Amino acid sequence: AAARPLLAKVTGLICSCARSFVETNPKNQLLIHGVLDKAMWLLDNQPDMALLTVSVFKNNKELCQQVTPDLVTTFADLILRDRKGGRTGPWYLMFFKAIVVAERVALA
């Protein structure tokens, strides 16, 4: 149990590094997009994973058009969970902004 805070911190740092790797780089966004599904379990308790997911889709119209209904549902469920618990995590809302507007163009 004592290792959990350390693990959370290390995971957050890894997500932060990965975010730097993908931001404004479509080639790297595509690379991380290919393995994103394997790390979705982190979304539940790791806001940095949500921010990494946002960075993967941000300003990348092609990837935004590949967002699955399951991913949308996951983020919606996390928002509802937080709201029911009296919390608000802006990182979950940022996901929806990223997938609705890409390259400064609203996606239909």
PDB file of N, CA and C in Angstrom:
ATOM      1  N   ALA A   1       0.816  -1.195   0.000  1.00  0.00           N
ATOM      2  CA  ALA A   1       0.000   0.000   0.000  1.00  0.00           C
ATOM      3  C   ALA A   1       0.865   1.266   0.000  1.00  0.00           C
ATOM      4  N   ALA A   2       2.027   1.202   0.627  1.00  0.00           N
ATOM      5  CA  ALA A   2       2.912   2.369   0.684  1.00  0.00           C
ATOM      6  C   ALA A   2       3.498   2.701  -0.675  1.00  0.00           C
ATOM      7  N   ALA A   3       3.556   1.725  -1.551  1.00  0.00           N
ATOM      8  CA  ALA A   3       4.131   1.937  -2.877  1.00  0.00           C
ATOM      9  C   ALA A   3       3.148   2.603  -3.842  1.00  0.00           C
ATOM     10  N   ARG A   4       1.871   2.618  -3.510  1.00  0.00           N
ATOM     11  CA  ARG A   4       0.871   3.179  -4.425  1.00  0.00           C
ATOM     12  C   ARG A   4       1.094   4.651  -4.760  1.00  0.00           C
ATOM     13  N   PRO A   5       1.360   5.509  -3.767  1.00  0.00           N
ATOM     14  CA  PRO A   5       1.604   6.915  -4.121  1.00  0.00           C
ATOM     15  C   PRO A   5       2.818   7.078  -5.036  1.00  0.00           C
ATOM     16  N   LEU A   6       3.856   6.284  -4.802  1.00  0.00           N
ATOM     17  CA  LEU A   6       5.043   6.344  -5.651  1.00  0.00           C
ATOM     18  C   LEU A   6       4.717   5.877  -7.061  1.00  0.00           C
ATOM     19  N   LEU A   7       3.971   4.787  -7.163  1.00  0.00           N
ATOM     20  CA  LEU A   7       3.574   4.274  -8.477  1.00  0.00           C
ATOM     21  C   LEU A   7       2.725   5.299  -9.230  1.00  0.00           C
ATOM     22  N   ALA A   8       1.808   5.954  -8.526  1.00  0.00           N
ATOM     23  CA  ALA A   8       0.971   6.981  -9.155  1.00  0.00           C
ATOM     24  C   ALA A   8       1.829   8.140  -9.659  1.00  0.00           C
ATOM     25  N   LYS A   9       2.822   8.523  -8.866  1.00  0.00           N
ATOM     26  CA  LYS A   9       3.697   9.628  -9.272  1.00  0.00           C
ATOM     27  C   LYS A   9       4.527   9.243 -10.500  1.00  0.00           C
ATOM     28  N   VAL A  10       5.086   8.041 -10.499  1.00  0.00           N
ATOM     29  CA  VAL A  10       5.887   7.578 -11.638  1.00  0.00           C
ATOM     30  C   VAL A  10       5.018   7.471 -12.893  1.00  0.00           C
ATOM     31  N   THR A  11       3.818   6.939 -12.733  1.00  0.00           N
ATOM     32  CA  THR A  11       2.902   6.829 -13.873  1.00  0.00           C
ATOM     33  C   THR A  11       2.558   8.207 -14.422  1.00  0.00           C
ATOM     34  N   GLY A  12       2.321   9.157 -13.534  1.00  0.00           N
ATOM     35  CA  GLY A  12       2.036  10.530 -13.956  1.00  0.00           C
ATOM     36  C   GLY A  12       3.192  11.132 -14.732  1.00  0.00           C
ATOM     37  N   LEU A  13       4.414  10.881 -14.272  1.00  0.00           N
ATOM     38  CA  LEU A  13       5.598  11.400 -14.975  1.00  0.00           C
ATOM     39  C   LEU A  13       5.761  10.756 -16.343  1.00  0.00           C
ATOM     40  N   ILE A  14       5.482   9.459 -16.435  1.00  0.00           N
ATOM     41  CA  ILE A  14       5.571   8.766 -17.723  1.00  0.00           C
ATOM     42  C   ILE A  14       4.543   9.352 -18.697  1.00  0.00           C
ATOM     43  N   CYS A  15       3.329   9.562 -18.208  1.00  0.00           N
ATOM     44  CA  CYS A  15       2.287  10.154 -19.062  1.00  0.00           C
ATOM     45  C   CYS A  15       2.671  11.559 -19.498  1.00  0.00           C
ATOM     46  N   SER A  16       3.272  12.313 -18.606  1.00  0.00           N
ATOM     47  CA  SER A  16       3.699  13.672 -18.925  1.00  0.00           C
ATOM     48  C   SER A  16       4.781  13.666 -20.005  1.00  0.00           C
ATOM     49  N   CYS A  17       5.733  12.757 -19.889  1.00  0.00           N
ATOM     50  CA  CYS A  17       6.781  12.627 -20.920  1.00  0.00           C
ATOM     51  C   CYS A  17       6.174  12.226 -22.256  1.00  0.00           C
ATOM     52  N   ALA A  18       5.247  11.277 -22.210  1.00  0.00           N
ATOM     53  CA  ALA A  18       4.592  10.834 -23.443  1.00  0.00           C
ATOM     54  C   ALA A  18       3.809  11.973 -24.075  1.00  0.00           C
ATOM     55  N   ARG A  19       3.197  12.823 -23.233  1.00  0.00           N
ATOM     56  CA  ARG A  19       2.466  13.984 -23.748  1.00  0.00           C
ATOM     57  C   ARG A  19       3.394  14.915 -24.507  1.00  0.00           C
ATOM     58  N   SER A  20       4.576  15.137 -23.968  1.00  0.00           N
ATOM     59  CA  SER A  20       5.563  15.978 -24.657  1.00  0.00           C
ATOM     60  C   SER A  20       5.975  15.356 -25.981  1.00  0.00           C
ATOM     61  N   PHE A  21       6.014  14.045 -26.025  1.00  0.00           N
ATOM     62  CA  PHE A  21       6.390  13.293 -27.218  1.00  0.00           C
ATOM     63  C   PHE A  21       5.354  13.444 -28.337  1.00  0.00           C
ATOM     64  N   VAL A  22       4.076  13.518 -27.970  1.00  0.00           N
ATOM     65  CA  VAL A  22       3.032  13.543 -29.005  1.00  0.00           C
ATOM     66  C   VAL A  22       2.519  14.928 -29.363  1.00  0.00           C
ATOM     67  N   GLU A  23       2.640  15.896 -28.461  1.00  0.00           N
ATOM     68  CA  GLU A  23       2.049  17.210 -28.721  1.00  0.00           C
ATOM     69  C   GLU A  23       2.569  17.812 -30.017  1.00  0.00           C
ATOM     70  N   THR A  24       1.637  18.223 -30.847  1.00  0.00           N
ATOM     71  CA  THR A  24       1.898  18.852 -32.150  1.00  0.00           C
ATOM     72  C   THR A  24       2.772  17.996 -33.068  1.00  0.00           C
ATOM     73  N   ASN A  25       2.728  16.693 -32.911  1.00  0.00           N
ATOM     74  CA  ASN A  25       3.509  15.805 -33.768  1.00  0.00           C
ATOM     75  C   ASN A  25       2.611  14.661 -34.234  1.00  0.00           C
ATOM     76  N   PRO A  26       1.973  14.813 -35.402  1.00  0.00           N
ATOM     77  CA  PRO A  26       1.033  13.802 -35.886  1.00  0.00           C
ATOM     78  C   PRO A  26       1.627  12.392 -35.987  1.00  0.00           C
ATOM     79  N   LYS A  27       2.887  12.308 -36.349  1.00  0.00           N
ATOM     80  CA  LYS A  27       3.528  10.995 -36.460  1.00  0.00           C
ATOM     81  C   LYS A  27       3.585  10.306 -35.088  1.00  0.00           C
ATOM     82  N   ASN A  28       3.961  11.056 -34.070  1.00  0.00           N
ATOM     83  CA  ASN A  28       4.029  10.498 -32.723  1.00  0.00           C
ATOM     84  C   ASN A  28       2.639  10.271 -32.126  1.00  0.00           C
ATOM     85  N   GLN A  29       1.688  11.129 -32.497  1.00  0.00           N
ATOM     86  CA  GLN A  29       0.307  10.916 -32.056  1.00  0.00           C
ATOM     87  C   GLN A  29      -0.188   9.561 -32.565  1.00  0.00           C
ATOM     88  N   LEU A  30       0.120   9.268 -33.805  1.00  0.00           N
ATOM     89  CA  LEU A  30      -0.298   7.995 -34.393  1.00  0.00           C
ATOM     90  C   LEU A  30       0.357   6.814 -33.681  1.00  0.00           C
ATOM     91  N   LEU A  31       1.626   6.955 -33.326  1.00  0.00           N
ATOM     92  CA  LEU A  31       2.324   5.887 -32.610  1.00  0.00           C
ATOM     93  C   LEU A  31       1.655   5.584 -31.269  1.00  0.00           C
ATOM     94  N   ILE A  32       1.396   6.616 -30.497  1.00  0.00           N
ATOM     95  CA  ILE A  32       0.780   6.421 -29.188  1.00  0.00           C
ATOM     96  C   ILE A  32      -0.670   5.968 -29.343  1.00  0.00           C
ATOM     97  N   HIS A  33      -1.359   6.472 -30.348  1.00  0.00           N
ATOM     98  CA  HIS A  33      -2.736   6.050 -30.599  1.00  0.00           C
ATOM     99  C   HIS A  33      -2.809   4.537 -30.766  1.00  0.00           C
ATOM    100  N   GLY A  34      -1.795   3.962 -31.379  1.00  0.00           N
ATOM    101  CA  GLY A  34      -1.771   2.523 -31.615  1.00  0.00           C
ATOM    102  C   GLY A  34      -1.694   1.676 -30.354  1.00  0.00           C
ATOM    103  N   VAL A  35      -1.254   2.259 -29.260  1.00  0.00           N
ATOM    104  CA  VAL A  35      -1.141   1.495 -28.002  1.00  0.00           C
ATOM    105  C   VAL A  35      -2.020   2.069 -26.890  1.00  0.00           C
ATOM    106  N   LEU A  36      -2.762   3.097 -27.212  1.00  0.00           N
ATOM    107  CA  LEU A  36      -3.582   3.786 -26.215  1.00  0.00           C
ATOM    108  C   LEU A  36      -4.557   2.849 -25.511  1.00  0.00           C
ATOM    109  N   ASP A  37      -5.163   1.947 -26.261  1.00  0.00           N
ATOM    110  CA  ASP A  37      -6.163   1.058 -25.673  1.00  0.00           C
ATOM    111  C   ASP A  37      -5.593   0.175 -24.559  1.00  0.00           C
ATOM    112  N   LYS A  38      -4.303  -0.098 -24.596  1.00  0.00           N
ATOM    113  CA  LYS A  38      -3.675  -0.934 -23.583  1.00  0.00           C
ATOM    114  C   LYS A  38      -3.473  -0.206 -22.259  1.00  0.00           C
ATOM    115  N   ALA A  39      -3.598   1.106 -22.273  1.00  0.00           N
ATOM    116  CA  ALA A  39      -3.388   1.893 -21.058  1.00  0.00           C
ATOM    117  C   ALA A  39      -4.673   2.547 -20.551  1.00  0.00           C
ATOM    118  N   MET A  40      -5.796   2.248 -21.164  1.00  0.00           N
ATOM    119  CA  MET A  40      -7.052   2.892 -20.768  1.00  0.00           C
ATOM    120  C   MET A  40      -7.434   2.610 -19.324  1.00  0.00           C
ATOM    121  N   TRP A  41      -6.966   1.523 -18.759  1.00  0.00           N
ATOM    122  CA  TRP A  41      -7.275   1.210 -17.358  1.00  0.00           C
ATOM    123  C   TRP A  41      -6.725   2.274 -16.412  1.00  0.00           C
ATOM    124  N   LEU A  42      -5.735   3.039 -16.878  1.00  0.00           N
ATOM    125  CA  LEU A  42      -5.159   4.099 -16.054  1.00  0.00           C
ATOM    126  C   LEU A  42      -6.085   5.307 -15.907  1.00  0.00           C
ATOM    127  N   LEU A  43      -7.019   5.460 -16.828  1.00  0.00           N
ATOM    128  CA  LEU A  43      -7.897   6.635 -16.814  1.00  0.00           C
ATOM    129  C   LEU A  43      -8.666   6.781 -15.514  1.00  0.00           C
ATOM    130  N   ASP A  44      -9.011   5.679 -14.915  1.00  0.00           N
ATOM    131  CA  ASP A  44      -9.859   5.695 -13.736  1.00  0.00           C
ATOM    132  C   ASP A  44      -9.274   6.516 -12.587  1.00  0.00           C
ATOM    133  N   ASN A  45      -7.969   6.441 -12.387  1.00  0.00           N
ATOM    134  CA  ASN A  45      -7.362   7.127 -11.240  1.00  0.00           C
ATOM    135  C   ASN A  45      -6.156   7.980 -11.604  1.00  0.00           C
ATOM    136  N   GLN A  46      -5.900   8.162 -12.879  1.00  0.00           N
ATOM    137  CA  GLN A  46      -4.691   8.876 -13.288  1.00  0.00           C
ATOM    138  C   GLN A  46      -5.045   9.997 -14.268  1.00  0.00           C
ATOM    139  N   PRO A  47      -5.255  11.213 -13.766  1.00  0.00           N
ATOM    140  CA  PRO A  47      -5.600  12.333 -14.649  1.00  0.00           C
ATOM    141  C   PRO A  47      -4.570  12.555 -15.753  1.00  0.00           C
ATOM    142  N   ASP A  48      -3.316  12.236 -15.490  1.00  0.00           N
ATOM    143  CA  ASP A  48      -2.295  12.430 -16.514  1.00  0.00           C
ATOM    144  C   ASP A  48      -2.529  11.545 -17.733  1.00  0.00           C
ATOM    145  N   MET A  49      -3.165  10.402 -17.527  1.00  0.00           N
ATOM    146  CA  MET A  49      -3.497   9.541 -18.660  1.00  0.00           C
ATOM    147  C   MET A  49      -4.581  10.195 -19.515  1.00  0.00           C
ATOM    148  N   ALA A  50      -5.509  10.871 -18.859  1.00  0.00           N
ATOM    149  CA  ALA A  50      -6.543  11.598 -19.603  1.00  0.00           C
ATOM    150  C   ALA A  50      -5.904  12.709 -20.427  1.00  0.00           C
ATOM    151  N   LEU A  51      -4.951  13.411 -19.832  1.00  0.00           N
ATOM    152  CA  LEU A  51      -4.271  14.492 -20.557  1.00  0.00           C
ATOM    153  C   LEU A  51      -3.445  13.943 -21.723  1.00  0.00           C
ATOM    154  N   LEU A  52      -2.849  12.785 -21.555  1.00  0.00           N
ATOM    155  CA  LEU A  52      -2.129  12.149 -22.659  1.00  0.00           C
ATOM    156  C   LEU A  52      -3.101  11.800 -23.781  1.00  0.00           C
ATOM    157  N   THR A  53      -4.246  11.259 -23.422  1.00  0.00           N
ATOM    158  CA  THR A  53      -5.254  10.904 -24.424  1.00  0.00           C
ATOM    159  C   THR A  53      -5.698  12.147 -25.187  1.00  0.00           C
ATOM    160  N   VAL A  54      -5.898  13.247 -24.483  1.00  0.00           N
ATOM    161  CA  VAL A  54      -6.255  14.517 -25.125  1.00  0.00           C
ATOM    162  C   VAL A  54      -5.175  14.911 -26.123  1.00  0.00           C
ATOM    163  N   SER A  55      -3.914  14.791 -25.734  1.00  0.00           N
ATOM    164  CA  SER A  55      -2.797  15.181 -26.611  1.00  0.00           C
ATOM    165  C   SER A  55      -2.714  14.314 -27.857  1.00  0.00           C
ATOM    166  N   VAL A  56      -3.114  13.070 -27.739  1.00  0.00           N
ATOM    167  CA  VAL A  56      -3.092  12.173 -28.900  1.00  0.00           C
ATOM    168  C   VAL A  56      -4.068  12.654 -29.969  1.00  0.00           C
ATOM    169  N   PHE A  57      -5.225  13.150 -29.540  1.00  0.00           N
ATOM    170  CA  PHE A  57      -6.258  13.546 -30.500  1.00  0.00           C
ATOM    171  C   PHE A  57      -6.240  15.031 -30.860  1.00  0.00           C
ATOM    172  N   LYS A  58      -5.619  15.844 -30.031  1.00  0.00           N
ATOM    173  CA  LYS A  58      -5.672  17.289 -30.218  1.00  0.00           C
ATOM    174  C   LYS A  58      -5.090  17.712 -31.567  1.00  0.00           C
ATOM    175  N   ASN A  59      -5.908  18.447 -32.324  1.00  0.00           N
ATOM    176  CA  ASN A  59      -5.525  18.988 -33.635  1.00  0.00           C
ATOM    177  C   ASN A  59      -5.109  17.920 -34.637  1.00  0.00           C
ATOM    178  N   ASN A  60      -5.677  16.720 -34.498  1.00  0.00           N
ATOM    179  CA  ASN A  60      -5.387  15.650 -35.445  1.00  0.00           C
ATOM    180  C   ASN A  60      -6.718  15.114 -35.966  1.00  0.00           C
ATOM    181  N   LYS A  61      -7.158  15.712 -37.050  1.00  0.00           N
ATOM    182  CA  LYS A  61      -8.467  15.396 -37.618  1.00  0.00           C
ATOM    183  C   LYS A  61      -8.606  13.910 -37.952  1.00  0.00           C
ATOM    184  N   GLU A  62      -7.570  13.332 -38.509  1.00  0.00           N
ATOM    185  CA  GLU A  62      -7.633  11.917 -38.901  1.00  0.00           C
ATOM    186  C   GLU A  62      -7.866  11.015 -37.686  1.00  0.00           C
ATOM    187  N   LEU A  63      -7.135  11.252 -36.611  1.00  0.00           N
ATOM    188  CA  LEU A  63      -7.317  10.427 -35.417  1.00  0.00           C
ATOM    189  C   LEU A  63      -8.654  10.701 -34.742  1.00  0.00           C
ATOM    190  N   CYS A  64      -9.093  11.954 -34.766  1.00  0.00           N
ATOM    191  CA  CYS A  64     -10.388  12.288 -34.174  1.00  0.00           C
ATOM    192  C   CYS A  64     -11.518  11.526 -34.866  1.00  0.00           C
ATOM    193  N   GLN A  65     -11.368  11.313 -36.142  1.00  0.00           N
ATOM    194  CA  GLN A  65     -12.392  10.593 -36.882  1.00  0.00           C
ATOM    195  C   GLN A  65     -12.374   9.091 -36.583  1.00  0.00           C
ATOM    196  N   GLN A  66     -11.360   8.636 -35.838  1.00  0.00           N
ATOM    197  CA  GLN A  66     -11.264   7.222 -35.474  1.00  0.00           C
ATOM    198  C   GLN A  66     -11.645   6.953 -34.019  1.00  0.00           C
ATOM    199  N   VAL A  67     -12.111   7.984 -33.326  1.00  0.00           N
ATOM    200  CA  VAL A  67     -12.502   7.805 -31.925  1.00  0.00           C
ATOM    201  C   VAL A  67     -13.659   6.802 -31.867  1.00  0.00           C
ATOM    202  N   THR A  68     -13.522   5.827 -30.990  1.00  0.00           N
ATOM    203  CA  THR A  68     -14.544   4.791 -30.877  1.00  0.00           C
ATOM    204  C   THR A  68     -15.643   5.213 -29.898  1.00  0.00           C
ATOM    205  N   PRO A  69     -16.832   4.679 -30.103  1.00  0.00           N
ATOM    206  CA  PRO A  69     -17.910   4.946 -29.141  1.00  0.00           C
ATOM    207  C   PRO A  69     -17.531   4.515 -27.717  1.00  0.00           C
ATOM    208  N   ASP A  70     -16.762   3.448 -27.589  1.00  0.00           N
ATOM    209  CA  ASP A  70     -16.342   2.986 -26.262  1.00  0.00           C
ATOM    210  C   ASP A  70     -15.481   4.029 -25.549  1.00  0.00           C
ATOM    211  N   LEU A  71     -14.601   4.691 -26.293  1.00  0.00           N
ATOM    212  CA  LEU A  71     -13.749   5.708 -25.687  1.00  0.00           C
ATOM    213  C   LEU A  71     -14.582   6.909 -25.240  1.00  0.00           C
ATOM    214  N   VAL A  72     -15.529   7.302 -26.054  1.00  0.00           N
ATOM    215  CA  VAL A  72     -16.431   8.413 -25.696  1.00  0.00           C
ATOM    216  C   VAL A  72     -17.220   8.045 -24.437  1.00  0.00           C
ATOM    217  N   THR A  73     -17.726   6.827 -24.393  1.00  0.00           N
ATOM    218  CA  THR A  73     -18.485   6.363 -23.234  1.00  0.00           C
ATOM    219  C   THR A  73     -17.616   6.334 -21.978  1.00  0.00           C
ATOM    220  N   THR A  74     -16.374   5.897 -22.123  1.00  0.00           N
ATOM    221  CA  THR A  74     -15.462   5.858 -20.983  1.00  0.00           C
ATOM    222  C   THR A  74     -15.280   7.241 -20.383  1.00  0.00           C
ATOM    223  N   PHE A  75     -15.012   8.227 -21.226  1.00  0.00           N
ATOM    224  CA  PHE A  75     -14.822   9.592 -20.727  1.00  0.00           C
ATOM    225  C   PHE A  75     -16.116  10.159 -20.146  1.00  0.00           C
ATOM    226  N   ALA A  76     -17.242   9.867 -20.770  1.00  0.00           N
ATOM    227  CA  ALA A  76     -18.528  10.339 -20.237  1.00  0.00           C
ATOM    228  C   ALA A  76     -18.792   9.721 -18.860  1.00  0.00           C
ATOM    229  N   ASP A  77     -18.515   8.438 -18.714  1.00  0.00           N
ATOM    230  CA  ASP A  77     -18.702   7.765 -17.426  1.00  0.00           C
ATOM    231  C   ASP A  77     -17.806   8.362 -16.343  1.00  0.00           C
ATOM    232  N   LEU A  78     -16.576   8.718 -16.711  1.00  0.00           N
ATOM    233  CA  LEU A  78     -15.665   9.319 -15.739  1.00  0.00           C
ATOM    234  C   LEU A  78     -16.158  10.697 -15.285  1.00  0.00           C
ATOM    235  N   ILE A  79     -16.718  11.458 -16.214  1.00  0.00           N
ATOM    236  CA  ILE A  79     -17.291  12.768 -15.861  1.00  0.00           C
ATOM    237  C   ILE A  79     -18.464  12.577 -14.912  1.00  0.00           C
ATOM    238  N   LEU A  80     -19.339  11.626 -15.224  1.00  0.00           N
ATOM    239  CA  LEU A  80     -20.497  11.366 -14.358  1.00  0.00           C
ATOM    240  C   LEU A  80     -20.054  10.887 -12.978  1.00  0.00           C
ATOM    241  N   ARG A  81     -19.057  10.013 -12.930  1.00  0.00           N
ATOM    242  CA  ARG A  81     -18.543   9.523 -11.654  1.00  0.00           C
ATOM    243  C   ARG A  81     -18.027  10.678 -10.796  1.00  0.00           C
ATOM    244  N   ASP A  82     -17.248  11.557 -11.423  1.00  0.00           N
ATOM    245  CA  ASP A  82     -16.700  12.693 -10.682  1.00  0.00           C
ATOM    246  C   ASP A  82     -17.802  13.634 -10.200  1.00  0.00           C
ATOM    247  N   ARG A  83     -18.754  13.893 -11.054  1.00  0.00           N
ATOM    248  CA  ARG A  83     -19.845  14.806 -10.676  1.00  0.00           C
ATOM    249  C   ARG A  83     -20.652  14.235  -9.518  1.00  0.00           C
ATOM    250  N   LYS A  84     -20.929  12.928  -9.569  1.00  0.00           N
ATOM    251  CA  LYS A  84     -21.672  12.288  -8.471  1.00  0.00           C
ATOM    252  C   LYS A  84     -20.877  12.343  -7.177  1.00  0.00           C
ATOM    253  N   GLY A  85     -19.562  12.330  -7.275  1.00  0.00           N
ATOM    254  CA  GLY A  85     -18.709  12.404  -6.102  1.00  0.00           C
ATOM    255  C   GLY A  85     -18.398  13.828  -5.671  1.00  0.00           C
ATOM    256  N   GLY A  86     -19.018  14.806  -6.334  1.00  0.00           N
ATOM    257  CA  GLY A  86     -18.793  16.202  -5.983  1.00  0.00           C
ATOM    258  C   GLY A  86     -17.475  16.758  -6.494  1.00  0.00           C
ATOM    259  N   ARG A  87     -16.870  16.076  -7.450  1.00  0.00           N
ATOM    260  CA  ARG A  87     -15.593  16.533  -8.018  1.00  0.00           C
ATOM    261  C   ARG A  87     -15.811  16.922  -9.482  1.00  0.00           C
ATOM    262  N   THR A  88     -14.903  17.715  -9.985  1.00  0.00           N
ATOM    263  CA  THR A  88     -14.913  18.018 -11.419  1.00  0.00           C
ATOM    264  C   THR A  88     -13.483  17.902 -11.925  1.00  0.00           C
ATOM    265  N   GLY A  89     -13.289  17.050 -12.916  1.00  0.00           N
ATOM    266  CA  GLY A  89     -11.969  16.889 -13.515  1.00  0.00           C
ATOM    267  C   GLY A  89     -11.966  17.487 -14.906  1.00  0.00           C
ATOM    268  N   PRO A  90     -11.382  18.658 -15.074  1.00  0.00           N
ATOM    269  CA  PRO A  90     -11.410  19.313 -16.385  1.00  0.00           C
ATOM    270  C   PRO A  90     -10.724  18.486 -17.465  1.00  0.00           C
ATOM    271  N   TRP A  91      -9.819  17.604 -17.066  1.00  0.00           N
ATOM    272  CA  TRP A  91      -9.094  16.790 -18.052  1.00  0.00           C
ATOM    273  C   TRP A  91     -10.027  15.882 -18.819  1.00  0.00           C
ATOM    274  N   TYR A  92     -11.121  15.424 -18.194  1.00  0.00           N
ATOM    275  CA  TYR A  92     -12.073  14.577 -18.918  1.00  0.00           C
ATOM    276  C   TYR A  92     -12.862  15.402 -19.930  1.00  0.00           C
ATOM    277  N   LEU A  93     -13.230  16.622 -19.551  1.00  0.00           N
ATOM    278  CA  LEU A  93     -13.948  17.504 -20.476  1.00  0.00           C
ATOM    279  C   LEU A  93     -13.060  17.923 -21.647  1.00  0.00           C
ATOM    280  N   MET A  94     -11.766  18.065 -21.380  1.00  0.00           N
ATOM    281  CA  MET A  94     -10.821  18.466 -22.435  1.00  0.00           C
ATOM    282  C   MET A  94     -10.792  17.437 -23.568  1.00  0.00           C
ATOM    283  N   PHE A  95     -11.042  16.182 -23.235  1.00  0.00           N
ATOM    284  CA  PHE A  95     -11.080  15.145 -24.260  1.00  0.00           C
ATOM    285  C   PHE A  95     -12.159  15.463 -25.293  1.00  0.00           C
ATOM    286  N   PHE A  96     -13.342  15.826 -24.817  1.00  0.00           N
ATOM    287  CA  PHE A  96     -14.432  16.119 -25.746  1.00  0.00           C
ATOM    288  C   PHE A  96     -14.130  17.338 -26.606  1.00  0.00           C
ATOM    289  N   LYS A  97     -13.501  18.335 -26.026  1.00  0.00           N
ATOM    290  CA  LYS A  97     -13.111  19.507 -26.814  1.00  0.00           C
ATOM    291  C   LYS A  97     -12.109  19.101 -27.891  1.00  0.00           C
ATOM    292  N   ALA A  98     -11.172  18.236 -27.546  1.00  0.00           N
ATOM    293  CA  ALA A  98     -10.143  17.815 -28.508  1.00  0.00           C
ATOM    294  C   ALA A  98     -10.726  17.031 -29.671  1.00  0.00           C
ATOM    295  N   ILE A  99     -11.729  16.204 -29.407  1.00  0.00           N
ATOM    296  CA  ILE A  99     -12.247  15.377 -30.501  1.00  0.00           C
ATOM    297  C   ILE A  99     -13.333  16.064 -31.312  1.00  0.00           C
ATOM    298  N   VAL A 100     -13.852  17.172 -30.815  1.00  0.00           N
ATOM    299  CA  VAL A 100     -14.902  17.897 -31.547  1.00  0.00           C
ATOM    300  C   VAL A 100     -14.307  18.979 -32.436  1.00  0.00           C
ATOM    301  N   VAL A 101     -13.187  19.550 -32.037  1.00  0.00           N
ATOM    302  CA  VAL A 101     -12.535  20.594 -32.820  1.00  0.00           C
ATOM    303  C   VAL A 101     -11.102  20.160 -33.072  1.00  0.00           C
ATOM    304  N   ALA A 102     -10.780  19.928 -34.336  1.00  0.00           N
ATOM    305  CA  ALA A 102      -9.426  19.553 -34.702  1.00  0.00           C
ATOM    306  C   ALA A 102      -8.941  20.458 -35.803  1.00  0.00           C
ATOM    307  N   GLU A 103      -7.710  20.884 -35.687  1.00  0.00           N
ATOM    308  CA  GLU A 103      -7.127  21.789 -36.678  1.00  0.00           C
ATOM    309  C   GLU A 103      -7.991  23.031 -36.862  1.00  0.00           C
ATOM    310  N   ARG A 104      -8.566  23.500 -35.741  1.00  0.00           N
ATOM    311  CA  ARG A 104      -9.414  24.690 -35.681  1.00  0.00           C
ATOM    312  C   ARG A 104     -10.684  24.568 -36.539  1.00  0.00           C
ATOM    313  N   VAL A 105     -11.074  23.317 -36.831  1.00  0.00           N
ATOM    314  CA  VAL A 105     -12.275  23.080 -37.627  1.00  0.00           C
ATOM    315  C   VAL A 105     -13.184  22.155 -36.830  1.00  0.00           C
ATOM    316  N   ALA A 106     -14.469  22.526 -36.703  1.00  0.00           N
ATOM    317  CA  ALA A 106     -15.421  21.654 -36.020  1.00  0.00           C
ATOM    318  C   ALA A 106     -15.635  20.390 -36.829  1.00  0.00           C
ATOM    319  N   LEU A 107     -15.582  19.259 -36.148  1.00  0.00           N
ATOM    320  CA  LEU A 107     -15.787  17.980 -36.824  1.00  0.00           C
ATOM    321  C   LEU A 107     -17.251  17.592 -36.749  1.00  0.00           C
ATOM    322  N   ALA A 108     -17.772  17.084 -37.849  1.00  0.00           N
ATOM    323  CA  ALA A 108     -19.184  16.692 -37.883  1.00  0.00           C
ATOM    324  C   ALA A 108     -19.345  15.249 -37.497  1.00  0.00           C
TER     325      ALA A 108
END
